[in-house]
Amino acid sequence: MAAGSLAKVCASFANAIKLLTKQIGIDERLVLKLKNELATLQSQPKPDAAAISAKQEELKKAQEKLGSDRGELEAFQNEFDANCR
């Protein structure tokens, strides 16, 4: 691969890493917020089972997205480290 195209690829990897790192921070804050909301729902004197179930599903999806984003970040970092350092 020519040096110019490698530099472009490396810049793309660096940009993707930056964006994913930012997204992971957003994902982590959302997961924490949903956990707190779920705990509040569960601590009510008369917990609403439907609301709890919906919040659990929302939390599960947010956790799955966080895991997926972390996996994608790791892959980009590995490619960047292997080809651009």
PDB file of N, CA and C in Angstrom:
ATOM      1  N   MET A   1       0.858  -1.179   0.000  1.00  0.00           N
ATOM      2  CA  MET A   1       0.000   0.000   0.000  1.00  0.00           C
ATOM      3  C   MET A   1       0.894   1.228   0.000  1.00  0.00           C
ATOM      4  N   ALA A   2       0.554   2.177  -0.809  1.00  0.00           N
ATOM      5  CA  ALA A   2       1.336   3.403  -0.896  1.00  0.00           C
ATOM      6  C   ALA A   2       1.243   4.176   0.404  1.00  0.00           C
ATOM      7  N   ALA A   3       2.293   4.926   0.706  1.00  0.00           N
ATOM      8  CA  ALA A   3       2.352   5.665   1.975  1.00  0.00           C
ATOM      9  C   ALA A   3       1.181   6.634   2.114  1.00  0.00           C
ATOM     10  N   GLY A   4       0.775   7.286   1.019  1.00  0.00           N
ATOM     11  CA  GLY A   4      -0.332   8.232   1.076  1.00  0.00           C
ATOM     12  C   GLY A   4      -1.644   7.562   1.415  1.00  0.00           C
ATOM     13  N   SER A   5      -1.893   6.394   0.787  1.00  0.00           N
ATOM     14  CA  SER A   5      -3.152   5.714   1.097  1.00  0.00           C
ATOM     15  C   SER A   5      -3.120   5.107   2.486  1.00  0.00           C
ATOM     16  N   LEU A   6      -1.956   4.678   2.956  1.00  0.00           N
ATOM     17  CA  LEU A   6      -1.863   4.171   4.325  1.00  0.00           C
ATOM     18  C   LEU A   6      -2.150   5.293   5.313  1.00  0.00           C
ATOM     19  N   ALA A   7      -1.654   6.466   5.033  1.00  0.00           N
ATOM     20  CA  ALA A   7      -1.918   7.611   5.910  1.00  0.00           C
ATOM     21  C   ALA A   7      -3.412   7.913   5.962  1.00  0.00           C
ATOM     22  N   LYS A   8      -4.094   7.801   4.831  1.00  0.00           N
ATOM     23  CA  LYS A   8      -5.544   8.036   4.804  1.00  0.00           C
ATOM     24  C   LYS A   8      -6.287   6.978   5.600  1.00  0.00           C
ATOM     25  N   VAL A   9      -5.878   5.725   5.440  1.00  0.00           N
ATOM     26  CA  VAL A   9      -6.497   4.638   6.188  1.00  0.00           C
ATOM     27  C   VAL A   9      -6.269   4.842   7.681  1.00  0.00           C
ATOM     28  N   CYS A  10      -5.067   5.192   8.065  1.00  0.00           N
ATOM     29  CA  CYS A  10      -4.746   5.418   9.474  1.00  0.00           C
ATOM     30  C   CYS A  10      -5.546   6.593  10.039  1.00  0.00           C
ATOM     31  N   ALA A  11      -5.701   7.627   9.240  1.00  0.00           N
ATOM     32  CA  ALA A  11      -6.512   8.771   9.683  1.00  0.00           C
ATOM     33  C   ALA A  11      -7.964   8.355   9.875  1.00  0.00           C
ATOM     34  N   SER A  12      -8.460   7.497   8.999  1.00  0.00           N
ATOM     35  CA  SER A  12      -9.835   6.998   9.133  1.00  0.00           C
ATOM     36  C   SER A  12      -9.991   6.165  10.400  1.00  0.00           C
ATOM     37  N   PHE A  13      -9.008   5.296  10.660  1.00  0.00           N
ATOM     38  CA  PHE A  13      -9.047   4.503  11.887  1.00  0.00           C
ATOM     39  C   PHE A  13      -9.015   5.414  13.116  1.00  0.00           C
ATOM     40  N   ALA A  14      -8.140   6.407  13.091  1.00  0.00           N
ATOM     41  CA  ALA A  14      -8.025   7.327  14.233  1.00  0.00           C
ATOM     42  C   ALA A  14      -9.343   8.066  14.461  1.00  0.00           C
ATOM     43  N   ASN A  15      -9.982   8.490  13.391  1.00  0.00           N
ATOM     44  CA  ASN A  15     -11.258   9.187  13.507  1.00  0.00           C
ATOM     45  C   ASN A  15     -12.341   8.254  14.052  1.00  0.00           C
ATOM     46  N   ALA A  16     -12.390   7.026  13.558  1.00  0.00           N
ATOM     47  CA  ALA A  16     -13.373   6.052  14.045  1.00  0.00           C
ATOM     48  C   ALA A  16     -13.157   5.764  15.527  1.00  0.00           C
ATOM     49  N   ILE A  17     -11.905   5.655  15.939  1.00  0.00           N
ATOM     50  CA  ILE A  17     -11.585   5.407  17.343  1.00  0.00           C
ATOM     51  C   ILE A  17     -12.072   6.567  18.200  1.00  0.00           C
ATOM     52  N   LYS A  18     -11.837   7.772  17.734  1.00  0.00           N
ATOM     53  CA  LYS A  18     -12.274   8.963  18.471  1.00  0.00           C
ATOM     54  C   LYS A  18     -13.796   8.988  18.614  1.00  0.00           C
ATOM     55  N   LEU A  19     -14.499   8.744  17.517  1.00  0.00           N
ATOM     56  CA  LEU A  19     -15.961   8.772  17.540  1.00  0.00           C
ATOM     57  C   LEU A  19     -16.541   7.658  18.404  1.00  0.00           C
ATOM     58  N   LEU A  20     -15.972   6.470  18.300  1.00  0.00           N
ATOM     59  CA  LEU A  20     -16.468   5.357  19.116  1.00  0.00           C
ATOM     60  C   LEU A  20     -16.199   5.581  20.597  1.00  0.00           C
ATOM     61  N   THR A  21     -15.064   6.152  20.912  1.00  0.00           N
ATOM     62  CA  THR A  21     -14.751   6.445  22.312  1.00  0.00           C
ATOM     63  C   THR A  21     -15.787   7.418  22.877  1.00  0.00           C
ATOM     64  N   LYS A  22     -16.132   8.415  22.100  1.00  0.00           N
ATOM     65  CA  LYS A  22     -17.156   9.375  22.521  1.00  0.00           C
ATOM     66  C   LYS A  22     -18.510   8.673  22.683  1.00  0.00           C
ATOM     67  N   GLN A  23     -18.871   7.825  21.727  1.00  0.00           N
ATOM     68  CA  GLN A  23     -20.152   7.111  21.781  1.00  0.00           C
ATOM     69  C   GLN A  23     -20.215   6.186  22.988  1.00  0.00           C
ATOM     70  N   ILE A  24     -19.109   5.547  23.317  1.00  0.00           N
ATOM     71  CA  ILE A  24     -19.081   4.652  24.470  1.00  0.00           C
ATOM     72  C   ILE A  24     -19.350   5.430  25.754  1.00  0.00           C
ATOM     73  N   GLY A  25     -18.808   6.627  25.856  1.00  0.00           N
ATOM     74  CA  GLY A  25     -19.099   7.476  27.015  1.00  0.00           C
ATOM     75  C   GLY A  25     -20.589   7.774  27.111  1.00  0.00           C
ATOM     76  N   ILE A  26     -21.211   8.072  25.982  1.00  0.00           N
ATOM     77  CA  ILE A  26     -22.657   8.327  25.947  1.00  0.00           C
ATOM     78  C   ILE A  26     -23.414   7.065  26.348  1.00  0.00           C
ATOM     79  N   ASP A  27     -22.998   5.921  25.794  1.00  0.00           N
ATOM     80  CA  ASP A  27     -23.640   4.644  26.116  1.00  0.00           C
ATOM     81  C   ASP A  27     -23.534   4.332  27.614  1.00  0.00           C
ATOM     82  N   GLU A  28     -22.350   4.566  28.181  1.00  0.00           N
ATOM     83  CA  GLU A  28     -22.142   4.277  29.598  1.00  0.00           C
ATOM     84  C   GLU A  28     -23.039   5.139  30.486  1.00  0.00           C
ATOM     85  N   ARG A  29     -23.169   6.406  30.132  1.00  0.00           N
ATOM     86  CA  ARG A  29     -24.048   7.290  30.907  1.00  0.00           C
ATOM     87  C   ARG A  29     -25.506   6.853  30.797  1.00  0.00           C
ATOM     88  N   LEU A  30     -25.922   6.415  29.613  1.00  0.00           N
ATOM     89  CA  LEU A  30     -27.290   5.940  29.435  1.00  0.00           C
ATOM     90  C   LEU A  30     -27.540   4.683  30.263  1.00  0.00           C
ATOM     91  N   VAL A  31     -26.613   3.748  30.245  1.00  0.00           N
ATOM     92  CA  VAL A  31     -26.768   2.521  31.029  1.00  0.00           C
ATOM     93  C   VAL A  31     -26.894   2.862  32.516  1.00  0.00           C
ATOM     94  N   LEU A  32     -26.067   3.746  33.002  1.00  0.00           N
ATOM     95  CA  LEU A  32     -26.127   4.145  34.404  1.00  0.00           C
ATOM     96  C   LEU A  32     -27.475   4.801  34.723  1.00  0.00           C
ATOM     97  N   LYS A  33     -27.925   5.679  33.856  1.00  0.00           N
ATOM     98  CA  LYS A  33     -29.217   6.351  34.040  1.00  0.00           C
ATOM     99  C   LYS A  33     -30.355   5.329  34.088  1.00  0.00           C
ATOM    100  N   LEU A  34     -30.341   4.374  33.166  1.00  0.00           N
ATOM    101  CA  LEU A  34     -31.393   3.361  33.125  1.00  0.00           C
ATOM    102  C   LEU A  34     -31.356   2.456  34.352  1.00  0.00           C
ATOM    103  N   LYS A  35     -30.161   2.119  34.823  1.00  0.00           N
ATOM    104  CA  LYS A  35     -30.048   1.324  36.053  1.00  0.00           C
ATOM    105  C   LYS A  35     -30.652   2.068  37.233  1.00  0.00           C
ATOM    106  N   ASN A  36     -30.367   3.359  37.312  1.00  0.00           N
ATOM    107  CA  ASN A  36     -30.926   4.161  38.404  1.00  0.00           C
ATOM    108  C   ASN A  36     -32.442   4.248  38.303  1.00  0.00           C
ATOM    109  N   GLU A  37     -32.949   4.442  37.097  1.00  0.00           N
ATOM    110  CA  GLU A  37     -34.401   4.506  36.900  1.00  0.00           C
ATOM    111  C   GLU A  37     -35.059   3.175  37.257  1.00  0.00           C
ATOM    112  N   LEU A  38     -34.415   2.079  36.878  1.00  0.00           N
ATOM    113  CA  LEU A  38     -34.941   0.752  37.208  1.00  0.00           C
ATOM    114  C   LEU A  38     -34.965   0.543  38.717  1.00  0.00           C
ATOM    115  N   ALA A  39     -33.884   0.927  39.377  1.00  0.00           N
ATOM    116  CA  ALA A  39     -33.823   0.784  40.836  1.00  0.00           C
ATOM    117  C   ALA A  39     -34.931   1.599  41.506  1.00  0.00           C
ATOM    118  N   THR A  40     -35.187   2.785  40.986  1.00  0.00           N
ATOM    119  CA  THR A  40     -36.258   3.628  41.534  1.00  0.00           C
ATOM    120  C   THR A  40     -37.612   2.951  41.343  1.00  0.00           C
ATOM    121  N   LEU A  41     -37.860   2.426  40.155  1.00  0.00           N
ATOM    122  CA  LEU A  41     -39.116   1.724  39.895  1.00  0.00           C
ATOM    123  C   LEU A  41     -39.292   0.531  40.826  1.00  0.00           C
ATOM    124  N   GLN A  42     -38.206  -0.222  41.021  1.00  0.00           N
ATOM    125  CA  GLN A  42     -38.275  -1.424  41.842  1.00  0.00           C
ATOM    126  C   GLN A  42     -38.445  -1.108  43.327  1.00  0.00           C
ATOM    127  N   SER A  43     -38.036   0.084  43.728  1.00  0.00           N
ATOM    128  CA  SER A  43     -38.099   0.431  45.155  1.00  0.00           C
ATOM    129  C   SER A  43     -39.435   1.050  45.558  1.00  0.00           C
ATOM    130  N   GLN A  44     -40.344   1.212  44.612  1.00  0.00           N
ATOM    131  CA  GLN A  44     -41.651   1.800  44.917  1.00  0.00           C
ATOM    132  C   GLN A  44     -42.441   0.856  45.829  1.00  0.00           C
ATOM    133  N   PRO A  45     -43.292   1.432  46.689  1.00  0.00           N
ATOM    134  CA  PRO A  45     -44.116   0.586  47.573  1.00  0.00           C
ATOM    135  C   PRO A  45     -44.967  -0.418  46.786  1.00  0.00           C
ATOM    136  N   LYS A  46     -45.500   0.029  45.643  1.00  0.00           N
ATOM    137  CA  LYS A  46     -46.274  -0.869  44.773  1.00  0.00           C
ATOM    138  C   LYS A  46     -45.652  -0.811  43.379  1.00  0.00           C
ATOM    139  N   PRO A  47     -44.585  -1.610  43.164  1.00  0.00           N
ATOM    140  CA  PRO A  47     -43.875  -1.560  41.884  1.00  0.00           C
ATOM    141  C   PRO A  47     -44.795  -1.899  40.706  1.00  0.00           C
ATOM    142  N   ASP A  48     -44.648  -1.146  39.643  1.00  0.00           N
ATOM    143  CA  ASP A  48     -45.410  -1.369  38.409  1.00  0.00           C
ATOM    144  C   ASP A  48     -44.637  -2.384  37.566  1.00  0.00           C
ATOM    145  N   ALA A  49     -45.155  -3.603  37.504  1.00  0.00           N
ATOM    146  CA  ALA A  49     -44.464  -4.693  36.820  1.00  0.00           C
ATOM    147  C   ALA A  49     -44.240  -4.382  35.340  1.00  0.00           C
ATOM    148  N   ALA A  50     -45.215  -3.769  34.698  1.00  0.00           N
ATOM    149  CA  ALA A  50     -45.078  -3.461  33.272  1.00  0.00           C
ATOM    150  C   ALA A  50     -43.987  -2.408  33.050  1.00  0.00           C
ATOM    151  N   ALA A  51     -43.947  -1.395  33.906  1.00  0.00           N
ATOM    152  CA  ALA A  51     -42.921  -0.355  33.779  1.00  0.00           C
ATOM    153  C   ALA A  51     -41.538  -0.934  34.052  1.00  0.00           C
ATOM    154  N   ILE A  52     -41.466  -1.817  35.023  1.00  0.00           N
ATOM    155  CA  ILE A  52     -40.178  -2.461  35.347  1.00  0.00           C
ATOM    156  C   ILE A  52     -39.719  -3.312  34.175  1.00  0.00           C
ATOM    157  N   SER A  53     -40.623  -4.082  33.600  1.00  0.00           N
ATOM    158  CA  SER A  53     -40.279  -4.934  32.461  1.00  0.00           C
ATOM    159  C   SER A  53     -39.806  -4.091  31.273  1.00  0.00           C
ATOM    160  N   ALA A  54     -40.503  -3.010  30.999  1.00  0.00           N
ATOM    161  CA  ALA A  54     -40.111  -2.132  29.893  1.00  0.00           C
ATOM    162  C   ALA A  54     -38.738  -1.518  30.140  1.00  0.00           C
ATOM    163  N   LYS A  55     -38.485  -1.089  31.377  1.00  0.00           N
ATOM    164  CA  LYS A  55     -37.194  -0.479  31.705  1.00  0.00           C
ATOM    165  C   LYS A  55     -36.079  -1.524  31.616  1.00  0.00           C
ATOM    166  N   GLN A  56     -36.363  -2.759  32.035  1.00  0.00           N
ATOM    167  CA  GLN A  56     -35.369  -3.828  31.937  1.00  0.00           C
ATOM    168  C   GLN A  56     -35.010  -4.095  30.476  1.00  0.00           C
ATOM    169  N   GLU A  57     -36.010  -4.069  29.608  1.00  0.00           N
ATOM    170  CA  GLU A  57     -35.763  -4.288  28.177  1.00  0.00           C
ATOM    171  C   GLU A  57     -34.939  -3.134  27.607  1.00  0.00           C
ATOM    172  N   GLU A  58     -35.275  -1.923  27.982  1.00  0.00           N
ATOM    173  CA  GLU A  58     -34.527  -0.750  27.531  1.00  0.00           C
ATOM    174  C   GLU A  58     -33.075  -0.827  27.997  1.00  0.00           C
ATOM    175  N   LEU A  59     -32.878  -1.231  29.239  1.00  0.00           N
ATOM    176  CA  LEU A  59     -31.535  -1.387  29.801  1.00  0.00           C
ATOM    177  C   LEU A  59     -30.760  -2.473  29.060  1.00  0.00           C
ATOM    178  N   LYS A  60     -31.424  -3.589  28.792  1.00  0.00           N
ATOM    179  CA  LYS A  60     -30.765  -4.690  28.074  1.00  0.00           C
ATOM    180  C   LYS A  60     -30.271  -4.226  26.709  1.00  0.00           C
ATOM    181  N   LYS A  61     -31.109  -3.494  25.975  1.00  0.00           N
ATOM    182  CA  LYS A  61     -30.717  -3.002  24.651  1.00  0.00           C
ATOM    183  C   LYS A  61     -29.546  -2.025  24.752  1.00  0.00           C
ATOM    184  N   ALA A  62     -29.577  -1.161  25.754  1.00  0.00           N
ATOM    185  CA  ALA A  62     -28.482  -0.195  25.940  1.00  0.00           C
ATOM    186  C   ALA A  62     -27.180  -0.918  26.286  1.00  0.00           C
ATOM    187  N   GLN A  63     -27.267  -1.960  27.112  1.00  0.00           N
ATOM    188  CA  GLN A  63     -26.070  -2.724  27.472  1.00  0.00           C
ATOM    189  C   GLN A  63     -25.520  -3.478  26.265  1.00  0.00           C
ATOM    190  N   GLU A  64     -26.407  -4.009  25.434  1.00  0.00           N
ATOM    191  CA  GLU A  64     -25.966  -4.708  24.224  1.00  0.00           C
ATOM    192  C   GLU A  64     -25.263  -3.749  23.271  1.00  0.00           C
ATOM    193  N   LYS A  65     -25.812  -2.541  23.114  1.00  0.00           N
ATOM    194  CA  LYS A  65     -25.190  -1.537  22.249  1.00  0.00           C
ATOM    195  C   LYS A  65     -23.818  -1.146  22.791  1.00  0.00           C
ATOM    196  N   LEU A  66     -23.732  -0.964  24.103  1.00  0.00           N
ATOM    197  CA  LEU A  66     -22.456  -0.635  24.732  1.00  0.00           C
ATOM    198  C   LEU A  66     -21.434  -1.735  24.458  1.00  0.00           C
ATOM    199  N   GLY A  67     -21.830  -2.982  24.628  1.00  0.00           N
ATOM    200  CA  GLY A  67     -20.926  -4.102  24.358  1.00  0.00           C
ATOM    201  C   GLY A  67     -20.486  -4.150  22.905  1.00  0.00           C
ATOM    202  N   SER A  68     -21.423  -3.911  22.008  1.00  0.00           N
ATOM    203  CA  SER A  68     -21.111  -3.904  20.584  1.00  0.00           C
ATOM    204  C   SER A  68     -20.138  -2.775  20.243  1.00  0.00           C
ATOM    205  N   ASP A  69     -20.400  -1.594  20.785  1.00  0.00           N
ATOM    206  CA  ASP A  69     -19.506  -0.462  20.531  1.00  0.00           C
ATOM    207  C   ASP A  69     -18.111  -0.720  21.090  1.00  0.00           C
ATOM    208  N   ARG A  70     -18.040  -1.326  22.258  1.00  0.00           N
ATOM    209  CA  ARG A  70     -16.719  -1.651  22.841  1.00  0.00           C
ATOM    210  C   ARG A  70     -15.979  -2.654  21.973  1.00  0.00           C
ATOM    211  N   GLY A  71     -16.688  -3.660  21.452  1.00  0.00           N
ATOM    212  CA  GLY A  71     -16.061  -4.641  20.569  1.00  0.00           C
ATOM    213  C   GLY A  71     -15.558  -4.003  19.283  1.00  0.00           C
ATOM    214  N   GLU A  72     -16.364  -3.112  18.730  1.00  0.00           N
ATOM    215  CA  GLU A  72     -15.967  -2.411  17.507  1.00  0.00           C
ATOM    216  C   GLU A  72     -14.747  -1.525  17.769  1.00  0.00           C
ATOM    217  N   LEU A  73     -14.734  -0.845  18.908  1.00  0.00           N
ATOM    218  CA  LEU A  73     -13.589  -0.007  19.255  1.00  0.00           C
ATOM    219  C   LEU A  73     -12.327  -0.852  19.379  1.00  0.00           C
ATOM    220  N   GLU A  74     -12.437  -1.984  20.020  1.00  0.00           N
ATOM    221  CA  GLU A  74     -11.271  -2.860  20.178  1.00  0.00           C
ATOM    222  C   GLU A  74     -10.739  -3.301  18.814  1.00  0.00           C
ATOM    223  N   ALA A  75     -11.642  -3.641  17.896  1.00  0.00           N
ATOM    224  CA  ALA A  75     -11.219  -4.058  16.557  1.00  0.00           C
ATOM    225  C   ALA A  75     -10.502  -2.924  15.831  1.00  0.00           C
ATOM    226  N   PHE A  76     -11.052  -1.718  15.893  1.00  0.00           N
ATOM    227  CA  PHE A  76     -10.402  -0.572  15.254  1.00  0.00           C
ATOM    228  C   PHE A  76      -9.038  -0.295  15.886  1.00  0.00           C
ATOM    229  N   GLN A  77      -8.969  -0.377  17.209  1.00  0.00           N
ATOM    230  CA  GLN A  77      -7.689  -0.127  17.878  1.00  0.00           C
ATOM    231  C   GLN A  77      -6.649  -1.168  17.483  1.00  0.00           C
ATOM    232  N   ASN A  78      -7.069  -2.427  17.400  1.00  0.00           N
ATOM    233  CA  ASN A  78      -6.139  -3.474  16.996  1.00  0.00           C
ATOM    234  C   ASN A  78      -5.623  -3.256  15.576  1.00  0.00           C
ATOM    235  N   GLU A  79      -6.517  -2.890  14.653  1.00  0.00           N
ATOM    236  CA  GLU A  79      -6.106  -2.605  13.280  1.00  0.00           C
ATOM    237  C   GLU A  79      -5.177  -1.390  13.225  1.00  0.00           C
ATOM    238  N   PHE A  80      -5.511  -0.366  13.983  1.00  0.00           N
ATOM    239  CA  PHE A  80      -4.686   0.833  14.011  1.00  0.00           C
ATOM    240  C   PHE A  80      -3.291   0.487  14.546  1.00  0.00           C
ATOM    241  N   ASP A  81      -3.257  -0.246  15.660  1.00  0.00           N
ATOM    242  CA  ASP A  81      -1.970  -0.621  16.259  1.00  0.00           C
ATOM    243  C   ASP A  81      -1.132  -1.477  15.309  1.00  0.00           C
ATOM    244  N   ALA A  82      -1.790  -2.390  14.595  1.00  0.00           N
ATOM    245  CA  ALA A  82      -1.068  -3.293  13.700  1.00  0.00           C
ATOM    246  C   ALA A  82      -0.554  -2.592  12.448  1.00  0.00           C
ATOM    247  N   ASN A  83      -1.255  -1.595  11.984  1.00  0.00           N
ATOM    248  CA  ASN A  83      -0.916  -1.006  10.688  1.00  0.00           C
ATOM    249  C   ASN A  83      -0.421   0.417  10.715  1.00  0.00           C
ATOM    250  N   CYS A  84      -0.635   1.123  11.808  1.00  0.00           N
ATOM    251  CA  CYS A  84      -0.380   2.557  11.798  1.00  0.00           C
ATOM    252  C   CYS A  84       0.641   3.014  12.840  1.00  0.00           C
ATOM    253  N   ARG A  85       1.170   2.151  13.606  1.00  0.00           N
ATOM    254  CA  ARG A  85       2.149   2.558  14.633  1.00  0.00           C
ATOM    255  C   ARG A  85       3.551   2.295  14.165  1.00  0.00           C
TER     256      ARG A  85
END
